[in-house]
Amino acid sequence: MNKLPYMRTMFATCMLFQVIFVLCAALWVVSPDLKGHALLPAIFPNFTLLTIGSFIYGLIASMFYGWIVAIIFVFFYNLWPSIASIVVRR
């Protein structure tokens, strides 16, 4: 089995999380009275209503969140075959 590369997965999840953030921010601009928008300040500390600074902060924070998720996922994905082979051989 081939190992999953870290860098490709990190940048893919980074872009995915940033696209989701931009879509949430765009939905907030279109409809600010929705209840689901309370999630953005909960996920991103010190996030205020949409200003340029908080939008850039949200993009950078979602990039780091994507990288962290990718690092954890790739670590366990690459570790699983060796653990499974140890368990199956017993």
Protein backbone atom coordinates (compact mmCIF):
# COMPACT_ATOMS: atom_id res chain seq x y z
CA MET A 1 0.00 0.00 0.00
CA ASN A 2 1.28 3.45 -0.87
CA LYS A 3 1.58 5.99 1.88
CA LEU A 4 -0.52 9.13 1.68
CA PRO A 5 1.66 12.22 1.13
CA TYR A 6 1.47 14.97 3.74
CA MET A 7 1.90 18.06 1.55
CA ARG A 8 -0.78 17.26 -1.03
CA THR A 9 -3.27 16.36 1.65
CA MET A 10 -2.41 19.44 3.69
CA PHE A 11 -2.97 21.81 0.78
CA ALA A 12 -6.14 20.01 -0.33
CA THR A 13 -7.74 20.29 3.12
CA CYS A 14 -6.46 23.85 3.43
CA MET A 15 -8.25 24.81 0.21
CA LEU A 16 -11.38 22.90 1.23
CA PHE A 17 -11.59 24.63 4.61
CA GLN A 18 -10.97 28.04 3.01
CA VAL A 19 -13.70 27.50 0.42
CA ILE A 20 -16.13 26.49 3.16
CA PHE A 21 -15.15 29.61 5.15
CA VAL A 22 -15.66 31.89 2.14
CA LEU A 23 -19.06 30.31 1.45
CA CYS A 24 -20.09 30.78 5.09
CA ALA A 25 -18.89 34.39 5.04
CA ALA A 26 -20.75 35.05 1.78
CA LEU A 27 -23.90 33.53 3.24
CA TRP A 28 -23.46 35.75 6.29
CA VAL A 29 -23.35 38.83 4.04
CA VAL A 30 -26.45 37.71 2.13
CA SER A 31 -28.49 36.67 5.15
CA PRO A 32 -27.10 37.92 8.48
CA ASP A 33 -30.17 36.84 10.49
CA LEU A 34 -29.54 33.09 10.14
CA LYS A 35 -28.80 31.27 13.39
CA GLY A 36 -25.98 29.11 11.96
CA HIS A 37 -23.65 32.07 11.67
CA ALA A 38 -23.01 31.96 15.41
CA LEU A 39 -20.70 29.05 14.64
CA LEU A 40 -18.06 31.27 12.99
CA PRO A 41 -17.17 33.22 16.16
CA ALA A 42 -17.18 29.92 18.08
CA ILE A 43 -14.69 28.30 15.71
CA PHE A 44 -12.50 31.35 15.18
CA PRO A 45 -11.66 33.15 18.46
CA ASN A 46 -11.79 36.97 18.31
CA PHE A 47 -13.80 36.82 15.07
CA THR A 48 -16.12 39.77 14.69
CA LEU A 49 -18.59 40.72 12.03
CA LEU A 50 -17.19 40.77 8.56
CA THR A 51 -14.43 43.28 8.23
CA ILE A 52 -11.43 42.93 5.98
CA GLY A 53 -9.18 42.10 8.93
CA SER A 54 -11.48 39.44 10.34
CA PHE A 55 -12.02 37.94 6.88
CA ILE A 56 -8.26 37.59 6.35
CA TYR A 57 -7.94 36.23 9.89
CA GLY A 58 -10.62 33.64 9.12
CA LEU A 59 -8.83 32.59 5.92
CA ILE A 60 -5.54 32.15 7.75
CA ALA A 61 -7.15 30.33 10.68
CA SER A 62 -9.05 27.98 8.36
CA MET A 63 -5.76 27.27 6.59
CA PHE A 64 -4.15 26.23 9.88
CA TYR A 65 -7.19 24.16 10.86
CA GLY A 66 -7.01 22.38 7.51
CA TRP A 67 -3.32 21.65 7.99
CA ILE A 68 -3.89 20.27 11.50
CA VAL A 69 -6.71 18.01 10.33
CA ALA A 70 -4.61 16.76 7.41
CA ILE A 71 -1.58 16.03 9.59
CA ILE A 72 -3.66 14.02 12.04
CA PHE A 73 -5.53 12.17 9.28
CA VAL A 74 -2.42 11.28 7.26
CA PHE A 75 -0.57 10.14 10.36
CA PHE A 76 -3.28 7.67 11.32
CA TYR A 77 -3.98 6.68 7.70
CA ASN A 78 -0.32 5.78 7.17
CA LEU A 79 -0.09 4.10 10.57
CA TRP A 80 -3.16 1.88 10.12
CA PRO A 81 -1.68 -0.78 7.76
CA SER A 82 1.18 -1.58 10.14
CA ILE A 83 -1.19 -1.84 13.12
CA ALA A 84 -3.63 -3.97 11.13
CA SER A 85 -0.86 -6.33 10.01
CA ILE A 86 0.27 -6.80 13.63
CA VAL A 87 -3.28 -7.56 14.76
CA VAL A 88 -4.02 -9.93 11.85
CA ARG A 89 -0.80 -11.93 12.27
CA ARG A 90 -1.66 -12.88 15.86
